[in-house]
Amino acid sequence: MSWKDVQDSTGFKKSLTFLVFVAIAALFWFILALNDSVQDDFEVKVNIYNVPDSVTFITLPPQKIHVMVRDQGTNLWRNGIFGSAQMNIDFRDFSSDGLFKMRRSELNAALKNVFGPSASLLSSSVDSLSLTYTTLPGKRVPVIVSADLSTVVGKIISGRPTVTPSSVVVYSTRDILDTITKVYTEHFSRQHLEETIEVPAMLHAIPNVRMEPTGVTVKVEVEPLVKKRASVNVQVDNLPEGMDLLLFPSVAMVEYYMPMSRFNATSDDRIEVAVDYEDIHDDVRKLPVNLIYQDQDLLNMQLLTDSVEYTLVRN
């Protein structure tokens, strides 16, 4: 039997007629159901307009407010599907002297206008708005890393952690801005590091202050330690006027570990060793060599020359 024969058959026509009536009945039932009172949840977008360019919100307005509304199904369907639930608020109506304030009754009235006069507002995630703002320009300040960091044996953190961006802009009232010279990251800890890492870090919040951006990226560079030897000129401490001290040898050998990237750096200004004139004794012809300064990234410093001979000369 062909499809055309099926279409021309009495049974097919009766079935088609039945399905049409079922669809019509379902449509009427759906319409009647939508006219019943129902409740549903919505996310209402918050749009504050007529905000002057000079205004910066310190307390950020909520982007959305979650509400539960009761109304006829057709109205809620229209707002939820065919419409965009958005609450428009004129900044000029609720702002004064650095404070944007909407009382509960005012906010509920604005939300109710979104859904129409027949809607009943059952609950809201925000019951009022109290937002501080400023017309002062922002102040750029540096970001300081607050962290506990350590590496595995044989590695070292190279220099200080770097921050991107290295500074942020803060907004607040004049008296607060005058006290802010830097901001800190939230404290974090990374232990037993084996390689360079980048850590996203939020900035530590300050009351009544807005920061842009609110987070930074902290880079902690890790590199191997290498052993190095160097000869360093021996200084003389507490030498009286008119006297001179000839040392043999005049340099001392030192051994230490340092970051690989600094291996070729000169040690002349990074290590200081000295003998003390006051250590001279008639029965001893040698003076002990003392380490008096070393750069902080030179580790496990050892003096391989523990003493030197001397000759005292009067000028």
Protein backbone atom coordinates (compact mmCIF):
# COMPACT_ATOMS: atom_id res chain seq x y z
CA MET A 1 0.00 0.00 0.00
CA SER A 2 1.38 3.38 -0.98
CA TRP A 3 1.53 6.49 1.23
CA LYS A 4 -1.12 8.12 -0.98
CA ASP A 5 -3.47 5.20 -0.33
CA VAL A 6 -2.89 5.60 3.41
CA GLN A 7 -3.67 9.33 3.23
CA ASP A 8 -6.92 8.64 1.34
CA SER A 9 -8.06 5.98 3.82
CA THR A 10 -10.92 6.69 6.23
CA GLY A 11 -8.87 5.54 9.26
CA PHE A 12 -6.04 7.99 8.58
CA LYS A 13 -8.46 10.92 8.24
CA LYS A 14 -10.18 10.01 11.53
CA SER A 15 -6.82 9.72 13.32
CA LEU A 16 -5.66 13.06 11.94
CA THR A 17 -8.92 14.71 13.04
CA PHE A 18 -8.52 13.20 16.52
CA LEU A 19 -4.94 14.50 16.88
CA VAL A 20 -6.01 17.98 15.82
CA PHE A 21 -8.69 18.08 18.50
CA VAL A 22 -6.22 16.77 21.09
CA ALA A 23 -3.77 19.56 20.19
CA ILE A 24 -6.53 22.19 20.46
CA ALA A 25 -7.63 20.80 23.82
CA ALA A 26 -4.05 20.83 25.09
CA LEU A 27 -3.63 24.43 23.99
CA PHE A 28 -6.81 25.49 25.82
CA TRP A 29 -5.68 23.61 28.92
CA PHE A 30 -2.31 25.32 28.78
CA ILE A 31 -3.92 28.75 28.48
CA LEU A 32 -6.28 28.05 31.39
CA ALA A 33 -3.39 26.76 33.48
CA LEU A 34 -1.38 29.90 32.82
CA ASN A 35 -4.28 31.99 34.11
CA ASP A 36 -3.96 30.29 37.48
CA SER A 37 -1.98 32.03 40.22
CA VAL A 38 1.55 30.60 40.35
CA GLN A 39 4.90 31.57 41.83
CA ASP A 40 8.36 31.42 40.28
CA ASP A 41 11.95 32.55 40.80
CA PHE A 42 13.56 35.24 38.64
CA GLU A 43 16.91 36.97 38.30
CA VAL A 44 16.30 40.68 37.88
CA LYS A 45 19.14 42.64 36.28
CA VAL A 46 19.99 45.90 38.04
CA ASN A 47 20.62 48.91 35.79
CA ILE A 48 21.51 52.21 37.46
CA TYR A 49 21.49 54.94 34.85
CA ASN A 50 22.35 58.65 34.74
CA VAL A 51 25.54 57.98 36.72
CA PRO A 52 27.98 60.89 36.12
CA ASP A 53 31.37 60.00 34.67
CA SER A 54 33.02 61.47 37.77
CA VAL A 55 31.28 58.97 40.06
CA THR A 56 32.96 55.72 41.10
CA PHE A 57 31.04 53.27 43.27
CA ILE A 58 33.12 52.15 46.25
CA THR A 59 30.44 49.61 47.14
CA LEU A 60 29.61 47.87 43.88
CA PRO A 61 25.91 47.58 43.03
CA PRO A 62 24.57 44.03 42.69
CA GLN A 63 24.39 42.90 39.07
CA LYS A 64 21.28 40.80 39.72
CA ILE A 65 18.66 40.38 42.43
CA HIS A 66 17.01 37.00 42.97
CA VAL A 67 13.27 37.37 43.63
CA MET A 68 10.26 35.08 44.08
CA VAL A 69 7.06 36.44 42.54
CA ARG A 70 3.43 35.29 42.56
CA ASP A 71 1.13 36.26 39.70
CA GLN A 72 -0.97 34.78 36.92
CA GLY A 73 0.98 32.27 34.87
CA THR A 74 0.60 34.25 31.66
CA ASN A 75 2.17 37.34 33.25
CA LEU A 76 5.07 35.44 34.75
CA TRP A 77 5.63 33.56 31.49
CA ARG A 78 5.73 36.85 29.62
CA ASN A 79 8.31 38.33 32.01
CA GLY A 80 10.34 35.17 32.30
CA ILE A 81 10.47 34.10 28.66
CA PHE A 82 9.35 36.84 26.33
CA GLY A 83 10.68 39.71 28.40
CA SER A 84 13.96 40.56 30.11
CA ALA A 85 13.48 41.13 33.84
CA GLN A 86 15.46 44.34 34.41
CA MET A 87 15.08 47.00 37.06
CA ASN A 88 16.06 50.51 35.89
CA ILE A 89 17.00 52.98 38.65
CA ASP A 90 17.78 56.65 38.16
CA PHE A 91 20.96 57.47 40.07
CA ARG A 92 19.82 61.04 40.66
CA ASP A 93 16.73 59.93 42.60
CA PHE A 94 18.59 58.11 45.36
CA SER A 95 22.07 59.66 45.63
CA SER A 96 23.35 62.38 47.93
CA ASP A 97 26.72 63.26 49.52
CA GLY A 98 28.53 60.07 48.59
CA LEU A 99 25.69 57.67 49.42
CA PHE A 100 23.26 55.95 47.07
CA LYS A 101 20.42 54.65 49.25
CA MET A 102 17.18 52.82 48.46
CA ARG A 103 15.02 51.81 51.41
CA ARG A 104 13.24 48.48 51.45
CA SER A 105 9.92 49.94 50.41
CA GLU A 106 11.53 51.83 47.51
CA LEU A 107 13.41 48.76 46.28
CA ASN A 108 10.30 46.56 46.54
CA ALA A 109 8.29 49.13 44.60
CA ALA A 110 10.94 49.19 41.85
CA LEU A 111 10.96 45.38 41.69
CA LYS A 112 7.18 45.25 41.60
CA ASN A 113 7.18 47.61 38.61
CA VAL A 114 9.25 45.08 36.71
CA PHE A 115 6.48 42.47 36.92
CA GLY A 116 3.41 44.68 36.83
CA PRO A 117 0.80 45.83 39.34
CA SER A 118 -0.84 42.41 39.73
CA ALA A 119 2.37 40.69 40.84
CA SER A 120 3.15 39.98 44.48
CA LEU A 121 6.77 40.03 45.60
CA LEU A 122 7.25 37.09 47.99
CA SER A 123 10.98 37.33 48.70
CA SER A 124 14.13 39.05 47.51
CA SER A 125 17.85 38.36 47.94
CA VAL A 126 18.40 42.09 48.55
CA ASP A 127 16.07 44.02 50.84
CA SER A 128 17.68 47.48 50.42
CA LEU A 129 20.59 49.24 48.75
CA SER A 130 23.18 51.35 50.54
CA LEU A 131 26.10 52.06 48.22
CA THR A 132 28.94 54.47 48.90
CA TYR A 133 30.53 56.34 46.01
CA THR A 134 33.14 59.02 45.43
CA THR A 135 33.81 61.71 42.89
CA LEU A 136 37.54 61.81 43.70
CA PRO A 137 40.03 60.39 41.19
CA GLY A 138 41.69 57.11 42.06
CA LYS A 139 45.13 56.83 43.67
CA ARG A 140 47.70 54.40 42.27
CA VAL A 141 49.64 52.46 44.91
CA PRO A 142 52.09 49.53 44.75
CA VAL A 143 51.14 45.94 45.59
CA ILE A 144 53.13 44.11 48.27
CA VAL A 145 53.19 40.30 48.38
CA SER A 146 52.29 38.65 51.69
CA ALA A 147 53.43 35.03 51.54
CA ASP A 148 55.36 32.21 53.17
CA LEU A 149 57.63 30.62 50.56
CA SER A 150 60.26 27.91 50.63
CA THR A 151 62.07 25.63 48.19
CA VAL A 152 63.43 22.12 48.18
CA VAL A 153 67.08 21.55 49.05
CA GLY A 154 69.38 22.77 46.26
CA LYS A 155 66.98 25.42 44.99
CA ILE A 156 66.44 29.06 45.92
CA ILE A 157 63.87 31.76 45.32
CA SER A 158 65.51 34.23 42.97
CA GLY A 159 64.92 37.76 44.16
CA ARG A 160 61.58 39.02 45.37
CA PRO A 161 58.30 37.77 43.93
CA THR A 162 57.07 39.95 41.07
CA VAL A 163 53.50 41.16 40.77
CA THR A 164 51.41 41.78 37.64
CA PRO A 165 50.15 44.44 37.67
CA SER A 166 52.68 45.93 40.07
CA SER A 167 50.25 48.63 41.20
CA VAL A 168 46.49 49.13 41.47
CA VAL A 169 44.13 52.08 41.70
CA VAL A 170 42.24 52.64 44.96
CA TYR A 171 39.09 54.73 45.38
CA SER A 172 37.74 56.10 48.63
CA THR A 173 37.14 59.29 50.58
CA ARG A 174 39.87 61.88 50.92
CA ASP A 175 40.77 61.06 54.53
CA ILE A 176 41.12 57.34 53.77
CA LEU A 177 43.07 57.83 50.52
CA ASP A 178 45.62 59.96 52.36
CA THR A 179 46.47 57.01 54.63
CA ILE A 180 46.94 54.39 51.88
CA THR A 181 50.48 54.12 50.49
CA LYS A 182 50.41 50.43 49.49
CA VAL A 183 48.13 47.42 49.43
CA TYR A 184 48.83 43.77 50.22
CA THR A 185 47.83 40.49 48.68
CA GLU A 186 45.88 38.02 50.76
CA HIS A 187 48.43 35.91 52.61
CA PHE A 188 49.28 32.60 50.94
CA SER A 189 51.80 29.83 51.43
CA ARG A 190 53.79 27.70 48.98
CA GLN A 191 56.33 25.26 50.41
CA HIS A 192 58.98 22.97 48.90
CA LEU A 193 58.96 24.67 45.51
CA GLU A 194 60.96 22.98 42.77
CA GLU A 195 60.28 25.34 39.88
CA THR A 196 59.01 28.81 39.03
CA ILE A 197 55.30 29.28 39.69
CA GLU A 198 52.62 31.90 39.07
CA VAL A 199 49.95 32.30 41.74
CA PRO A 200 46.69 34.25 41.31
CA ALA A 201 46.17 36.29 44.47
CA MET A 202 43.32 38.48 45.64
CA LEU A 203 44.12 41.81 47.26
CA HIS A 204 43.46 42.13 50.98
CA ALA A 205 40.27 44.15 51.33
CA ILE A 206 40.29 47.52 53.09
CA PRO A 207 36.99 48.79 54.55
CA ASN A 208 35.32 51.51 52.48
CA VAL A 209 37.93 51.17 49.73
CA ARG A 210 37.50 49.90 46.18
CA MET A 211 40.49 48.50 44.32
CA GLU A 212 40.89 48.08 40.58
CA PRO A 213 41.77 45.39 39.80
CA THR A 214 40.90 43.30 42.86
CA GLY A 215 43.43 40.56 42.07
CA VAL A 216 46.97 40.18 40.75
CA THR A 217 49.33 37.45 39.57
CA VAL A 218 52.38 36.73 41.71
CA LYS A 219 55.41 35.14 40.04
CA VAL A 220 57.89 33.30 42.22
CA GLU A 221 61.09 32.44 40.36
CA VAL A 222 62.94 29.33 41.52
CA GLU A 223 66.39 28.35 40.29
CA PRO A 224 69.20 25.94 41.21
CA LEU A 225 71.97 26.76 43.66
CA VAL A 226 75.56 26.34 42.46
CA LYS A 227 78.80 26.25 44.44
CA LYS A 228 81.39 28.95 43.84
CA ARG A 229 84.76 29.99 45.21
CA ALA A 230 86.10 33.52 45.20
CA SER A 231 89.05 35.51 46.52
CA VAL A 232 88.13 38.61 48.53
CA ASN A 233 90.42 41.45 49.61
CA VAL A 234 90.98 41.45 53.38
CA GLN A 235 90.18 44.74 55.11
CA VAL A 236 91.71 45.97 58.36
CA ASP A 237 89.44 47.24 61.13
CA ASN A 238 90.36 49.59 64.01
CA LEU A 239 93.72 50.56 62.48
CA PRO A 240 95.26 53.52 64.42
CA GLU A 241 96.38 56.63 62.57
CA GLY A 242 100.01 56.52 61.50
CA MET A 243 100.02 52.75 61.32
CA ASP A 244 99.75 50.35 58.43
CA LEU A 245 99.25 46.61 58.36
CA LEU A 246 100.68 44.46 55.60
CA LEU A 247 98.87 41.13 55.20
CA PHE A 248 100.17 37.88 53.72
CA PRO A 249 98.14 36.91 51.81
CA SER A 250 96.08 40.04 51.31
CA VAL A 251 93.11 38.08 50.01
CA ALA A 252 90.99 35.33 51.57
CA MET A 253 89.33 32.43 49.79
CA VAL A 254 85.64 31.88 50.44
CA GLU A 255 83.24 29.21 49.29
CA TYR A 256 79.46 29.55 49.07
CA TYR A 257 76.31 28.64 47.17
CA MET A 258 74.50 31.13 45.00
CA PRO A 259 71.70 31.28 42.38
CA MET A 260 72.83 30.05 38.98
CA SER A 261 71.75 33.30 37.31
CA ARG A 262 74.16 35.28 39.52
CA PHE A 263 77.15 32.99 39.03
CA ASN A 264 79.12 35.47 36.91
CA ALA A 265 78.45 38.41 39.22
CA THR A 266 81.56 39.85 40.88
CA SER A 267 82.01 39.17 44.59
CA ASP A 268 83.94 42.39 45.32
CA ASP A 269 80.94 44.27 46.69
CA ARG A 270 78.96 41.27 47.91
CA ILE A 271 81.37 39.80 50.46
CA GLU A 272 83.51 41.58 53.02
CA VAL A 273 86.15 39.96 55.21
CA ALA A 274 88.47 41.67 57.66
CA VAL A 275 91.10 41.33 60.34
CA ASP A 276 90.98 43.40 63.52
CA TYR A 277 94.03 45.40 64.64
CA GLU A 278 92.98 44.85 68.25
CA ASP A 279 93.51 41.09 67.82
CA ILE A 280 97.29 41.62 67.54
CA HIS A 281 99.32 39.84 70.23
CA ASP A 282 103.10 39.93 70.57
CA ASP A 283 103.42 36.16 70.71
CA VAL A 284 101.16 35.48 67.69
CA ARG A 285 102.13 36.48 64.15
CA LYS A 286 98.76 35.67 62.60
CA LEU A 287 95.39 37.39 62.66
CA PRO A 288 92.03 35.59 62.36
CA VAL A 289 89.96 36.48 59.31
CA ASN A 290 86.32 37.31 60.01
CA LEU A 291 83.37 37.46 57.67
CA ILE A 292 81.70 40.82 58.28
CA TYR A 293 79.21 41.01 55.38
CA GLN A 294 77.67 38.81 52.73
CA ASP A 295 74.88 39.40 50.23
CA GLN A 296 71.65 37.71 51.28
CA ASP A 297 71.53 35.35 48.29
CA LEU A 298 74.96 33.89 49.09
CA LEU A 299 74.33 30.83 51.21
CA ASN A 300 76.40 28.49 53.42
CA MET A 301 79.37 30.84 53.33
CA GLN A 302 82.64 29.29 54.46
CA LEU A 303 86.00 30.96 54.95
CA LEU A 304 88.71 28.75 53.44
CA THR A 305 91.36 31.20 54.66
CA ASP A 306 90.93 31.34 58.40
CA SER A 307 93.97 33.53 59.18
CA VAL A 308 96.70 35.63 57.57
CA GLU A 309 100.21 36.71 58.62
CA TYR A 310 100.90 40.38 59.16
CA THR A 311 103.63 42.94 59.40
CA LEU A 312 103.07 46.15 61.32
CA VAL A 313 104.45 49.29 59.63
CA ARG A 314 104.61 52.81 61.02
CA ASN A 315 103.97 55.56 58.44
